[in-house]
Amino acid sequence: MLWITNLFPKIGSSYGKEVDNLFWFIFWISLFFFLIIQIAMIYFVVRYRNRREEEVSNIEGNNFLEITWTIIPTIILVIMFFYGVYVFDNFQRRPPANSLEIKVIGHQWWWEFQYPNGYTTRDTLIVPTNKPIKLIMTSTDVIHSFYVRSFRIKEDLVPGRYTWTWFKVVEPGVYDIQCAEYCGSMHSKMIGYIKAVNRNDFESWLASVSKETDLSSLSPVEKGKKLSQIKGCTSCHSVDGSQLVGPTWKGLYSREVVVLENGKEKKLIADENYLRESILNPNAKIVKGFQNIMPSYQGQLNEDEILSIIEYIKSLK
């Protein structure tokens, strides 16, 4: 029966064992009673099958049996309930006070991770081992669900509010992140990774990337390029002319584009005003042939950052 217990990936979090113990407790009890009920059903079907030559006596019931098979399952269900509450409340909902807080933002269809120093990564979360990590999560568009099988955690990201979860990785490695809530046509590709390293390596990495968060010394084009990568723009808009879910940025500036505005087609020139509006209010004018799926970056970019991204787009000729 060992193959049954090996169905799940190796536990990577400190409380994963508690979750597995709860699962197997419920599973084996359910299997035990399932087999008893099925065997009894088969026995009674065969033993008391209809025979025309026999007269069947009328049995009205047995109070003792009825009370027994009501009380015992009730007790078992109550035990399951309080065991589940114990695991949920004492392990999954009580992050230690010294937890490292990281913000998680769900987008269609990628993950954004923001560290306390302002550094942002896309689809890869780097964390230290044996250090509690608290994730404060939200979504910019639709509901996503942050699911890490190896950690036995799953938590929804809801637009307009914050949710949270926490974990502590017990050993270095790379662990898969999946979105467990259908979020659109590319839902299956919304995959990320948690890379757990030892604490010294993490501190060295965090110190090195802290320098990259200062964009003040970069030219507008370089700053715009960096921002477009940090904010995930290039996951939907290519810079080499290839087709993605959004229009390519290559050669976009000053080009004539056909858009849908209030359901009507119109032609316009992709100038600075058009690009700015597309960043802040992408639903106002939809490029013909593309879906209306881009979220607004209102409040996420200041004017200087918007101008830098526009300068970067202008440089892609």
C-alpha atoms as a PDB file:
ATOM      1  CA  MET A   1       0.000   0.000   0.000  1.00  0.00           C
ATOM      2  CA  LEU A   2       3.035   2.307  -0.035  1.00  0.00           C
ATOM      3  CA  TRP A   3       2.186   3.482  -3.546  1.00  0.00           C
ATOM      4  CA  ILE A   4      -0.927   5.184  -2.135  1.00  0.00           C
ATOM      5  CA  THR A   5       1.060   7.278   0.334  1.00  0.00           C
ATOM      6  CA  ASN A   6       3.496   8.270  -2.433  1.00  0.00           C
ATOM      7  CA  LEU A   7       0.811   9.890  -4.582  1.00  0.00           C
ATOM      8  CA  PHE A   8       1.689  13.360  -3.302  1.00  0.00           C
ATOM      9  CA  PRO A   9       4.940  15.261  -3.954  1.00  0.00           C
ATOM     10  CA  LYS A  10       7.592  15.341  -1.269  1.00  0.00           C
ATOM     11  CA  ILE A  11       6.712  17.672   1.596  1.00  0.00           C
ATOM     12  CA  GLY A  12       8.613  20.951   1.382  1.00  0.00           C
ATOM     13  CA  SER A  13       7.062  23.018   4.184  1.00  0.00           C
ATOM     14  CA  SER A  14       7.287  22.805   7.958  1.00  0.00           C
ATOM     15  CA  TYR A  15       3.599  21.976   8.501  1.00  0.00           C
ATOM     16  CA  GLY A  16       3.014  19.850   5.398  1.00  0.00           C
ATOM     17  CA  LYS A  17       3.193  16.667   7.480  1.00  0.00           C
ATOM     18  CA  GLU A  18       0.286  17.848   9.646  1.00  0.00           C
ATOM     19  CA  VAL A  19      -1.861  18.417   6.549  1.00  0.00           C
ATOM     20  CA  ASP A  20      -0.991  14.969   5.199  1.00  0.00           C
ATOM     21  CA  ASN A  21      -1.772  13.323   8.540  1.00  0.00           C
ATOM     22  CA  LEU A  22      -5.214  14.937   8.520  1.00  0.00           C
ATOM     23  CA  PHE A  23      -5.836  13.807   4.946  1.00  0.00           C
ATOM     24  CA  TRP A  24      -4.830  10.212   5.589  1.00  0.00           C
ATOM     25  CA  PHE A  25      -6.844  10.106   8.827  1.00  0.00           C
ATOM     26  CA  ILE A  26      -9.990  11.049   6.896  1.00  0.00           C
ATOM     27  CA  PHE A  27      -9.065   8.837   3.931  1.00  0.00           C
ATOM     28  CA  TRP A  28      -8.519   5.596   5.880  1.00  0.00           C
ATOM     29  CA  ILE A  29     -11.654   6.043   8.004  1.00  0.00           C
ATOM     30  CA  SER A  30     -13.690   6.737   4.859  1.00  0.00           C
ATOM     31  CA  LEU A  31     -12.184   3.723   3.082  1.00  0.00           C
ATOM     32  CA  PHE A  32     -12.873   1.474   6.079  1.00  0.00           C
ATOM     33  CA  PHE A  33     -16.564   2.351   6.218  1.00  0.00           C
ATOM     34  CA  PHE A  34     -16.868   2.321   2.423  1.00  0.00           C
ATOM     35  CA  LEU A  35     -15.665  -1.293   2.316  1.00  0.00           C
ATOM     36  CA  ILE A  36     -17.928  -2.335   5.205  1.00  0.00           C
ATOM     37  CA  ILE A  37     -20.976  -0.770   3.541  1.00  0.00           C
ATOM     38  CA  GLN A  38     -20.201  -2.226   0.106  1.00  0.00           C
ATOM     39  CA  ILE A  39     -19.549  -5.718   1.470  1.00  0.00           C
ATOM     40  CA  ALA A  40     -22.762  -5.570   3.522  1.00  0.00           C
ATOM     41  CA  MET A  41     -24.753  -4.377   0.494  1.00  0.00           C
ATOM     42  CA  ILE A  42     -23.442  -7.194  -1.686  1.00  0.00           C
ATOM     43  CA  TYR A  43     -24.094  -9.755   1.049  1.00  0.00           C
ATOM     44  CA  PHE A  44     -27.690  -8.585   1.612  1.00  0.00           C
ATOM     45  CA  VAL A  45     -28.405  -8.436  -2.127  1.00  0.00           C
ATOM     46  CA  VAL A  46     -27.300 -12.048  -2.539  1.00  0.00           C
ATOM     47  CA  ARG A  47     -28.535 -13.422   0.782  1.00  0.00           C
ATOM     48  CA  TYR A  48     -31.979 -11.838   0.673  1.00  0.00           C
ATOM     49  CA  ARG A  49     -32.635 -11.810  -3.049  1.00  0.00           C
ATOM     50  CA  ASN A  50     -36.234 -12.377  -4.101  1.00  0.00           C
ATOM     51  CA  ARG A  51     -37.388 -15.994  -4.245  1.00  0.00           C
ATOM     52  CA  ARG A  52     -40.905 -16.604  -5.480  1.00  0.00           C
ATOM     53  CA  GLU A  53     -41.502 -19.675  -3.369  1.00  0.00           C
ATOM     54  CA  GLU A  54     -40.686 -17.916  -0.113  1.00  0.00           C
ATOM     55  CA  GLU A  55     -42.841 -15.625   1.960  1.00  0.00           C
ATOM     56  CA  VAL A  56     -40.856 -12.680   3.307  1.00  0.00           C
ATOM     57  CA  SER A  57     -41.524 -11.567   6.854  1.00  0.00           C
ATOM     58  CA  ASN A  58     -42.238  -7.894   7.546  1.00  0.00           C
ATOM     59  CA  ILE A  59     -39.409  -6.340   9.590  1.00  0.00           C
ATOM     60  CA  GLU A  60     -40.241  -2.891  10.927  1.00  0.00           C
ATOM     61  CA  GLY A  61     -36.740  -1.933  12.111  1.00  0.00           C
ATOM     62  CA  ASN A  62     -34.260  -2.087  14.952  1.00  0.00           C
ATOM     63  CA  ASN A  63     -33.959   0.955  17.177  1.00  0.00           C
ATOM     64  CA  PHE A  64     -30.602  -0.118  18.596  1.00  0.00           C
ATOM     65  CA  LEU A  65     -29.013  -0.441  15.155  1.00  0.00           C
ATOM     66  CA  GLU A  66     -30.486   2.833  13.943  1.00  0.00           C
ATOM     67  CA  ILE A  67     -29.241   4.734  16.981  1.00  0.00           C
ATOM     68  CA  THR A  68     -25.815   3.080  16.708  1.00  0.00           C
ATOM     69  CA  TRP A  69     -25.229   3.910  13.047  1.00  0.00           C
ATOM     70  CA  THR A  70     -26.339   7.483  13.716  1.00  0.00           C
ATOM     71  CA  ILE A  71     -24.254   8.169  16.823  1.00  0.00           C
ATOM     72  CA  ILE A  72     -20.988   6.544  15.670  1.00  0.00           C
ATOM     73  CA  PRO A  73     -20.751   8.443  12.329  1.00  0.00           C
ATOM     74  CA  THR A  74     -21.700  11.668  14.122  1.00  0.00           C
ATOM     75  CA  ILE A  75     -18.867  11.219  16.616  1.00  0.00           C
ATOM     76  CA  ILE A  76     -16.415  10.450  13.805  1.00  0.00           C
ATOM     77  CA  LEU A  77     -17.487  13.530  11.813  1.00  0.00           C
ATOM     78  CA  VAL A  78     -17.138  15.748  14.892  1.00  0.00           C
ATOM     79  CA  ILE A  79     -13.609  14.383  15.442  1.00  0.00           C
ATOM     80  CA  MET A  80     -12.743  15.072  11.784  1.00  0.00           C
ATOM     81  CA  PHE A  81     -14.101  18.608  12.088  1.00  0.00           C
ATOM     82  CA  PHE A  82     -12.137  19.542  15.199  1.00  0.00           C
ATOM     83  CA  TYR A  83      -8.992  17.834  13.887  1.00  0.00           C
ATOM     84  CA  GLY A  84      -9.304  19.956  10.731  1.00  0.00           C
ATOM     85  CA  VAL A  85      -9.870  23.137  12.753  1.00  0.00           C
ATOM     86  CA  TYR A  86      -6.823  22.302  14.872  1.00  0.00           C
ATOM     87  CA  VAL A  87      -4.536  21.885  11.844  1.00  0.00           C
ATOM     88  CA  PHE A  88      -5.939  24.955  10.087  1.00  0.00           C
ATOM     89  CA  ASP A  89      -5.821  27.277  13.086  1.00  0.00           C
ATOM     90  CA  ASN A  90      -2.602  26.125  14.762  1.00  0.00           C
ATOM     91  CA  PHE A  91      -0.450  25.653  11.675  1.00  0.00           C
ATOM     92  CA  GLN A  92      -1.805  27.366   8.566  1.00  0.00           C
ATOM     93  CA  ARG A  93      -3.234  30.551  10.136  1.00  0.00           C
ATOM     94  CA  ARG A  94      -0.588  31.427  12.715  1.00  0.00           C
ATOM     95  CA  PRO A  95       2.536  32.799  11.034  1.00  0.00           C
ATOM     96  CA  PRO A  96       5.431  33.492  13.414  1.00  0.00           C
ATOM     97  CA  ALA A  97       6.061  37.119  14.343  1.00  0.00           C
ATOM     98  CA  ASN A  98       9.481  37.097  12.646  1.00  0.00           C
ATOM     99  CA  SER A  99       8.064  36.171   9.223  1.00  0.00           C
ATOM    100  CA  LEU A 100       9.500  37.812   6.109  1.00  0.00           C
ATOM    101  CA  GLU A 101       6.596  39.554   4.351  1.00  0.00           C
ATOM    102  CA  ILE A 102       6.464  39.402   0.549  1.00  0.00           C
ATOM    103  CA  LYS A 103       3.665  40.819  -1.570  1.00  0.00           C
ATOM    104  CA  VAL A 104       2.152  38.651  -4.311  1.00  0.00           C
ATOM    105  CA  ILE A 105       0.124  40.174  -7.145  1.00  0.00           C
ATOM    106  CA  GLY A 106      -1.748  37.935  -9.549  1.00  0.00           C
ATOM    107  CA  HIS A 107      -2.054  38.991 -13.185  1.00  0.00           C
ATOM    108  CA  GLN A 108      -3.435  37.307 -16.277  1.00  0.00           C
ATOM    109  CA  TRP A 109      -1.360  35.144 -16.518  1.00  0.00           C
ATOM    110  CA  TRP A 110       1.725  35.619 -14.364  1.00  0.00           C
ATOM    111  CA  TRP A 111       2.829  36.109 -10.778  1.00  0.00           C
ATOM    112  CA  GLU A 112       4.470  39.262  -9.432  1.00  0.00           C
ATOM    113  CA  PHE A 113       6.498  39.096  -6.211  1.00  0.00           C
ATOM    114  CA  GLN A 114       7.510  42.282  -4.365  1.00  0.00           C
ATOM    115  CA  TYR A 115      10.203  42.161  -1.681  1.00  0.00           C
ATOM    116  CA  PRO A 116      10.399  44.599   1.271  1.00  0.00           C
ATOM    117  CA  ASN A 117      13.270  46.481  -0.408  1.00  0.00           C
ATOM    118  CA  GLY A 118      11.104  47.206  -3.458  1.00  0.00           C
ATOM    119  CA  TYR A 119      12.689  44.624  -5.747  1.00  0.00           C
ATOM    120  CA  THR A 120      10.201  42.762  -7.930  1.00  0.00           C
ATOM    121  CA  THR A 121      10.451  39.381  -9.631  1.00  0.00           C
ATOM    122  CA  ARG A 122       8.210  37.704 -12.179  1.00  0.00           C
ATOM    123  CA  ASP A 123       7.048  34.086 -11.794  1.00  0.00           C
ATOM    124  CA  THR A 124      10.010  33.135  -9.563  1.00  0.00           C
ATOM    125  CA  LEU A 125       9.946  33.632  -5.797  1.00  0.00           C
ATOM    126  CA  ILE A 126      13.336  33.290  -4.108  1.00  0.00           C
ATOM    127  CA  VAL A 127      13.169  32.591  -0.361  1.00  0.00           C
ATOM    128  CA  PRO A 128      15.512  31.428   2.404  1.00  0.00           C
ATOM    129  CA  THR A 129      15.133  28.030   4.028  1.00  0.00           C
ATOM    130  CA  ASN A 130      14.088  27.699   7.680  1.00  0.00           C
ATOM    131  CA  LYS A 131      12.661  31.220   7.682  1.00  0.00           C
ATOM    132  CA  PRO A 132       8.900  31.867   7.950  1.00  0.00           C
ATOM    133  CA  ILE A 133       7.560  33.580   4.818  1.00  0.00           C
ATOM    134  CA  LYS A 134       4.242  35.437   4.927  1.00  0.00           C
ATOM    135  CA  LEU A 135       2.652  36.196   1.558  1.00  0.00           C
ATOM    136  CA  ILE A 136       0.254  39.152   1.366  1.00  0.00           C
ATOM    137  CA  MET A 137      -1.703  38.664  -1.841  1.00  0.00           C
ATOM    138  CA  THR A 138      -4.091  40.428  -4.187  1.00  0.00           C
ATOM    139  CA  SER A 139      -5.072  40.399  -7.869  1.00  0.00           C
ATOM    140  CA  THR A 140      -5.268  43.109 -10.515  1.00  0.00           C
ATOM    141  CA  ASP A 141      -7.930  41.456 -12.674  1.00  0.00           C
ATOM    142  CA  VAL A 142      -9.747  38.219 -11.786  1.00  0.00           C
ATOM    143  CA  ILE A 143      -9.586  35.680  -8.966  1.00  0.00           C
ATOM    144  CA  HIS A 144      -6.429  33.573  -9.005  1.00  0.00           C
ATOM    145  CA  SER A 145      -5.453  30.818  -6.575  1.00  0.00           C
ATOM    146  CA  PHE A 146      -1.895  30.428  -5.291  1.00  0.00           C
ATOM    147  CA  TYR A 147      -1.292  26.686  -5.038  1.00  0.00           C
ATOM    148  CA  VAL A 148       1.960  24.967  -4.029  1.00  0.00           C
ATOM    149  CA  ARG A 149       1.456  21.208  -3.813  1.00  0.00           C
ATOM    150  CA  SER A 150       4.749  20.526  -2.042  1.00  0.00           C
ATOM    151  CA  PHE A 151       3.860  23.011   0.704  1.00  0.00           C
ATOM    152  CA  ARG A 152       0.222  21.865   1.008  1.00  0.00           C
ATOM    153  CA  ILE A 153      -1.016  25.448   0.681  1.00  0.00           C
ATOM    154  CA  LYS A 154      -3.708  27.027  -1.492  1.00  0.00           C
ATOM    155  CA  GLU A 155      -5.073  30.552  -1.124  1.00  0.00           C
ATOM    156  CA  ASP A 156      -7.191  32.730  -3.426  1.00  0.00           C
ATOM    157  CA  LEU A 157      -6.054  36.141  -4.684  1.00  0.00           C
ATOM    158  CA  VAL A 158      -9.091  38.422  -4.882  1.00  0.00           C
ATOM    159  CA  PRO A 159      -9.252  41.799  -6.695  1.00  0.00           C
ATOM    160  CA  GLY A 160      -9.787  44.711  -4.335  1.00  0.00           C
ATOM    161  CA  ARG A 161      -8.791  42.943  -1.113  1.00  0.00           C
ATOM    162  CA  TYR A 162      -5.837  41.249   0.572  1.00  0.00           C
ATOM    163  CA  THR A 163      -5.526  37.600   1.494  1.00  0.00           C
ATOM    164  CA  TRP A 164      -2.537  35.873   3.008  1.00  0.00           C
ATOM    165  CA  THR A 165      -0.821  32.582   3.675  1.00  0.00           C
ATOM    166  CA  TRP A 166       2.534  31.527   5.067  1.00  0.00           C
ATOM    167  CA  PHE A 167       5.073  28.731   4.907  1.00  0.00           C
ATOM    168  CA  LYS A 168       8.570  27.777   5.998  1.00  0.00           C
ATOM    169  CA  VAL A 169      10.688  25.779   3.563  1.00  0.00           C
ATOM    170  CA  VAL A 170      12.602  22.989   5.265  1.00  0.00           C
ATOM    171  CA  GLU A 171      15.211  22.280   2.595  1.00  0.00           C
ATOM    172  CA  PRO A 172      16.646  23.946  -0.541  1.00  0.00           C
ATOM    173  CA  GLY A 173      15.013  23.175  -3.864  1.00  0.00           C
ATOM    174  CA  VAL A 174      12.670  24.389  -6.580  1.00  0.00           C
ATOM    175  CA  TYR A 175       8.925  24.041  -5.979  1.00  0.00           C
ATOM    176  CA  ASP A 176       6.127  24.541  -8.513  1.00  0.00           C
ATOM    177  CA  ILE A 177       3.462  27.239  -8.198  1.00  0.00           C
ATOM    178  CA  GLN A 178       0.172  26.723 -10.020  1.00  0.00           C
ATOM    179  CA  CYS A 179      -2.961  28.797 -10.389  1.00  0.00           C
ATOM    180  CA  ALA A 180      -5.798  26.592  -9.143  1.00  0.00           C
ATOM    181  CA  GLU A 181      -8.638  28.924 -10.168  1.00  0.00           C
ATOM    182  CA  TYR A 182      -9.679  29.195 -13.830  1.00  0.00           C
ATOM    183  CA  CYS A 183      -8.672  32.719 -14.850  1.00  0.00           C
ATOM    184  CA  GLY A 184      -8.952  32.882 -18.627  1.00  0.00           C
ATOM    185  CA  SER A 185      -7.689  31.393 -21.862  1.00  0.00           C
ATOM    186  CA  MET A 186      -4.063  31.005 -20.682  1.00  0.00           C
ATOM    187  CA  HIS A 187      -4.890  29.722 -17.196  1.00  0.00           C
ATOM    188  CA  SER A 188      -2.905  26.516 -17.713  1.00  0.00           C
ATOM    189  CA  LYS A 189       0.244  28.516 -18.465  1.00  0.00           C
ATOM    190  CA  MET A 190       0.093  30.527 -15.218  1.00  0.00           C
ATOM    191  CA  ILE A 191       2.968  28.624 -13.659  1.00  0.00           C
ATOM    192  CA  GLY A 192       5.662  29.905 -11.323  1.00  0.00           C
ATOM    193  CA  TYR A 193       8.420  28.592  -9.103  1.00  0.00           C
ATOM    194  CA  ILE A 194       9.640  28.979  -5.545  1.00  0.00           C
ATOM    195  CA  LYS A 195      13.400  28.697  -5.326  1.00  0.00           C
ATOM    196  CA  ALA A 196      14.527  27.992  -1.768  1.00  0.00           C
ATOM    197  CA  VAL A 197      18.182  28.675  -0.936  1.00  0.00           C
ATOM    198  CA  ASN A 198      20.117  28.732   2.320  1.00  0.00           C
ATOM    199  CA  ARG A 199      19.900  31.919   4.348  1.00  0.00           C
ATOM    200  CA  ASN A 200      23.416  33.199   3.570  1.00  0.00           C
ATOM    201  CA  ASP A 201      22.872  32.839  -0.180  1.00  0.00           C
ATOM    202  CA  PHE A 202      19.526  34.606   0.117  1.00  0.00           C
ATOM    203  CA  GLU A 203      20.995  37.546   2.033  1.00  0.00           C
ATOM    204  CA  SER A 204      23.761  37.893  -0.570  1.00  0.00           C
ATOM    205  CA  TRP A 205      21.250  37.778  -3.417  1.00  0.00           C
ATOM    206  CA  LEU A 206      18.932  40.300  -1.768  1.00  0.00           C
ATOM    207  CA  ALA A 207      21.830  42.693  -1.155  1.00  0.00           C
ATOM    208  CA  SER A 208      22.921  42.455  -4.795  1.00  0.00           C
ATOM    209  CA  VAL A 209      19.462  43.052  -6.276  1.00  0.00           C
ATOM    210  CA  SER A 210      18.772  45.940  -3.907  1.00  0.00           C
ATOM    211  CA  LYS A 211      21.024  48.024  -6.124  1.00  0.00           C
ATOM    212  CA  GLU A 212      18.772  47.292  -9.119  1.00  0.00           C
ATOM    213  CA  THR A 213      15.746  48.914  -7.495  1.00  0.00           C
ATOM    214  CA  ASP A 214      17.352  52.350  -7.892  1.00  0.00           C
ATOM    215  CA  LEU A 215      16.386  53.398 -11.427  1.00  0.00           C
ATOM    216  CA  SER A 216      17.255  57.064 -10.968  1.00  0.00           C
ATOM    217  CA  SER A 217      20.641  56.743 -12.670  1.00  0.00           C
ATOM    218  CA  LEU A 218      19.213  55.139 -15.832  1.00  0.00           C
ATOM    219  CA  SER A 219      18.271  56.931 -19.029  1.00  0.00           C
ATOM    220  CA  PRO A 220      14.515  57.159 -19.783  1.00  0.00           C
ATOM    221  CA  VAL A 221      14.787  54.362 -22.370  1.00  0.00           C
ATOM    222  CA  GLU A 222      16.750  52.070 -20.044  1.00  0.00           C
ATOM    223  CA  LYS A 223      14.400  52.871 -17.183  1.00  0.00           C
ATOM    224  CA  GLY A 224      11.370  52.155 -19.374  1.00  0.00           C
ATOM    225  CA  LYS A 225      12.844  48.831 -20.455  1.00  0.00           C
ATOM    226  CA  LYS A 226      13.470  47.836 -16.847  1.00  0.00           C
ATOM    227  CA  LEU A 227       9.985  48.902 -15.757  1.00  0.00           C
ATOM    228  CA  SER A 228       8.336  46.984 -18.604  1.00  0.00           C
ATOM    229  CA  GLN A 229      10.096  43.835 -17.418  1.00  0.00           C
ATOM    230  CA  ILE A 230       9.298  44.412 -13.744  1.00  0.00           C
ATOM    231  CA  LYS A 231       5.619  45.158 -14.413  1.00  0.00           C
ATOM    232  CA  GLY A 232       5.214  42.208 -16.756  1.00  0.00           C
ATOM    233  CA  CYS A 233       4.427  44.256 -19.880  1.00  0.00           C
ATOM    234  CA  THR A 234       6.625  42.068 -22.075  1.00  0.00           C
ATOM    235  CA  SER A 235       4.675  38.947 -21.133  1.00  0.00           C
ATOM    236  CA  CYS A 236       1.876  40.187 -23.426  1.00  0.00           C
ATOM    237  CA  HIS A 237       3.640  42.666 -25.745  1.00  0.00           C
ATOM    238  CA  SER A 238       6.655  41.493 -27.733  1.00  0.00           C
ATOM    239  CA  VAL A 239       9.531  43.830 -28.610  1.00  0.00           C
ATOM    240  CA  ASP A 240      10.677  41.920 -31.695  1.00  0.00           C
ATOM    241  CA  GLY A 241       7.506  41.919 -33.799  1.00  0.00           C
ATOM    242  CA  SER A 242       6.344  38.441 -32.787  1.00  0.00           C
ATOM    243  CA  GLN A 243       2.678  37.805 -31.986  1.00  0.00           C
ATOM    244  CA  LEU A 244       1.635  37.522 -28.339  1.00  0.00           C
ATOM    245  CA  VAL A 245      -1.717  38.145 -26.652  1.00  0.00           C
ATOM    246  CA  GLY A 246      -1.240  41.909 -27.108  1.00  0.00           C
ATOM    247  CA  PRO A 247       0.031  44.082 -29.999  1.00  0.00           C
ATOM    248  CA  THR A 248       3.801  44.121 -30.475  1.00  0.00           C
ATOM    249  CA  TRP A 249       5.656  47.233 -29.363  1.00  0.00           C
ATOM    250  CA  LYS A 250       8.127  47.053 -32.220  1.00  0.00           C
ATOM    251  CA  GLY A 251       7.400  49.881 -34.651  1.00  0.00           C
ATOM    252  CA  LEU A 252       4.231  50.826 -32.787  1.00  0.00           C
ATOM    253  CA  TYR A 253       5.013  54.485 -32.142  1.00  0.00           C
ATOM    254  CA  SER A 254       3.738  56.881 -34.861  1.00  0.00           C
ATOM    255  CA  ARG A 255       2.128  53.980 -36.736  1.00  0.00           C
ATOM    256  CA  GLU A 256      -1.504  54.001 -37.825  1.00  0.00           C
ATOM    257  CA  VAL A 257      -3.590  51.518 -35.850  1.00  0.00           C
ATOM    258  CA  VAL A 258      -7.191  50.394 -36.152  1.00  0.00           C
ATOM    259  CA  VAL A 259      -9.042  50.374 -32.838  1.00  0.00           C
ATOM    260  CA  LEU A 260     -12.537  49.723 -31.548  1.00  0.00           C
ATOM    261  CA  GLU A 261     -13.984  52.603 -29.529  1.00  0.00           C
ATOM    262  CA  ASN A 262     -17.497  52.128 -28.166  1.00  0.00           C
ATOM    263  CA  GLY A 263     -17.929  49.272 -30.630  1.00  0.00           C
ATOM    264  CA  LYS A 264     -16.992  51.376 -33.671  1.00  0.00           C
ATOM    265  CA  GLU A 265     -13.851  51.090 -35.767  1.00  0.00           C
ATOM    266  CA  LYS A 266     -11.588  54.083 -36.128  1.00  0.00           C
ATOM    267  CA  LYS A 267      -8.046  54.776 -37.283  1.00  0.00           C
ATOM    268  CA  LEU A 268      -5.561  56.773 -35.257  1.00  0.00           C
ATOM    269  CA  ILE A 269      -1.853  57.401 -34.873  1.00  0.00           C
ATOM    270  CA  ALA A 270      -0.080  55.749 -31.956  1.00  0.00           C
ATOM    271  CA  ASP A 271       1.390  58.886 -30.390  1.00  0.00           C
ATOM    272  CA  GLU A 272       2.279  59.705 -26.777  1.00  0.00           C
ATOM    273  CA  ASN A 273      -1.315  60.438 -25.780  1.00  0.00           C
ATOM    274  CA  TYR A 274      -2.569  57.164 -27.233  1.00  0.00           C
ATOM    275  CA  LEU A 275       0.176  55.182 -25.468  1.00  0.00           C
ATOM    276  CA  ARG A 276      -0.499  56.917 -22.151  1.00  0.00           C
ATOM    277  CA  GLU A 277      -4.231  56.233 -22.410  1.00  0.00           C
ATOM    278  CA  SER A 278      -3.543  52.597 -23.295  1.00  0.00           C
ATOM    279  CA  ILE A 279      -1.493  52.215 -20.108  1.00  0.00           C
ATOM    280  CA  LEU A 280      -3.963  53.900 -17.763  1.00  0.00           C
ATOM    281  CA  ASN A 281      -7.272  53.090 -19.478  1.00  0.00           C
ATOM    282  CA  PRO A 282      -6.642  50.125 -21.796  1.00  0.00           C
ATOM    283  CA  ASN A 283     -10.360  49.412 -22.263  1.00  0.00           C
ATOM    284  CA  ALA A 284     -11.058  52.763 -23.932  1.00  0.00           C
ATOM    285  CA  LYS A 285      -9.642  51.773 -27.318  1.00  0.00           C
ATOM    286  CA  ILE A 286      -9.091  48.110 -28.167  1.00  0.00           C
ATOM    287  CA  VAL A 287      -6.760  47.304 -31.052  1.00  0.00           C
ATOM    288  CA  LYS A 288      -8.710  45.401 -33.680  1.00  0.00           C
ATOM    289  CA  GLY A 289      -8.011  41.675 -33.572  1.00  0.00           C
ATOM    290  CA  PHE A 290      -7.079  41.575 -29.877  1.00  0.00           C
ATOM    291  CA  GLN A 291      -9.082  40.753 -26.758  1.00  0.00           C
ATOM    292  CA  ASN A 292      -9.986  43.263 -24.067  1.00  0.00           C
ATOM    293  CA  ILE A 293      -7.939  41.647 -21.285  1.00  0.00           C
ATOM    294  CA  MET A 294      -5.298  44.213 -20.290  1.00  0.00           C
ATOM    295  CA  PRO A 295      -5.574  45.534 -16.700  1.00  0.00           C
ATOM    296  CA  SER A 296      -5.200  49.224 -15.914  1.00  0.00           C
ATOM    297  CA  TYR A 297      -1.920  50.465 -14.444  1.00  0.00           C
ATOM    298  CA  GLN A 298      -3.630  53.448 -12.840  1.00  0.00           C
ATOM    299  CA  GLY A 299      -1.996  53.952  -9.443  1.00  0.00           C
ATOM    300  CA  GLN A 300       0.803  51.491 -10.209  1.00  0.00           C
ATOM    301  CA  LEU A 301       2.933  53.859 -12.306  1.00  0.00           C
ATOM    302  CA  ASN A 302       3.682  57.527 -11.732  1.00  0.00           C
ATOM    303  CA  GLU A 303       4.012  60.039 -14.572  1.00  0.00           C
ATOM    304  CA  ASP A 304       7.788  59.717 -14.742  1.00  0.00           C
ATOM    305  CA  GLU A 305       7.528  55.940 -15.063  1.00  0.00           C
ATOM    306  CA  ILE A 306       4.820  56.206 -17.734  1.00  0.00           C
ATOM    307  CA  LEU A 307       6.983  58.610 -19.746  1.00  0.00           C
ATOM    308  CA  SER A 308       9.949  56.239 -19.445  1.00  0.00           C
ATOM    309  CA  ILE A 309       7.922  53.307 -20.781  1.00  0.00           C
ATOM    310  CA  ILE A 310       6.674  55.470 -23.655  1.00  0.00           C
ATOM    311  CA  GLU A 311      10.272  56.459 -24.481  1.00  0.00           C
ATOM    312  CA  TYR A 312      11.221  52.785 -24.512  1.00  0.00           C
ATOM    313  CA  ILE A 313       8.345  51.987 -26.898  1.00  0.00           C
ATOM    314  CA  LYS A 314       9.444  54.864 -29.143  1.00  0.00           C
ATOM    315  CA  SER A 315      12.950  53.371 -29.313  1.00  0.00           C
ATOM    316  CA  LEU A 316      11.658  50.030 -30.659  1.00  0.00           C
ATOM    317  CA  LYS A 317      11.762  50.779 -34.381  1.00  0.00           C
END
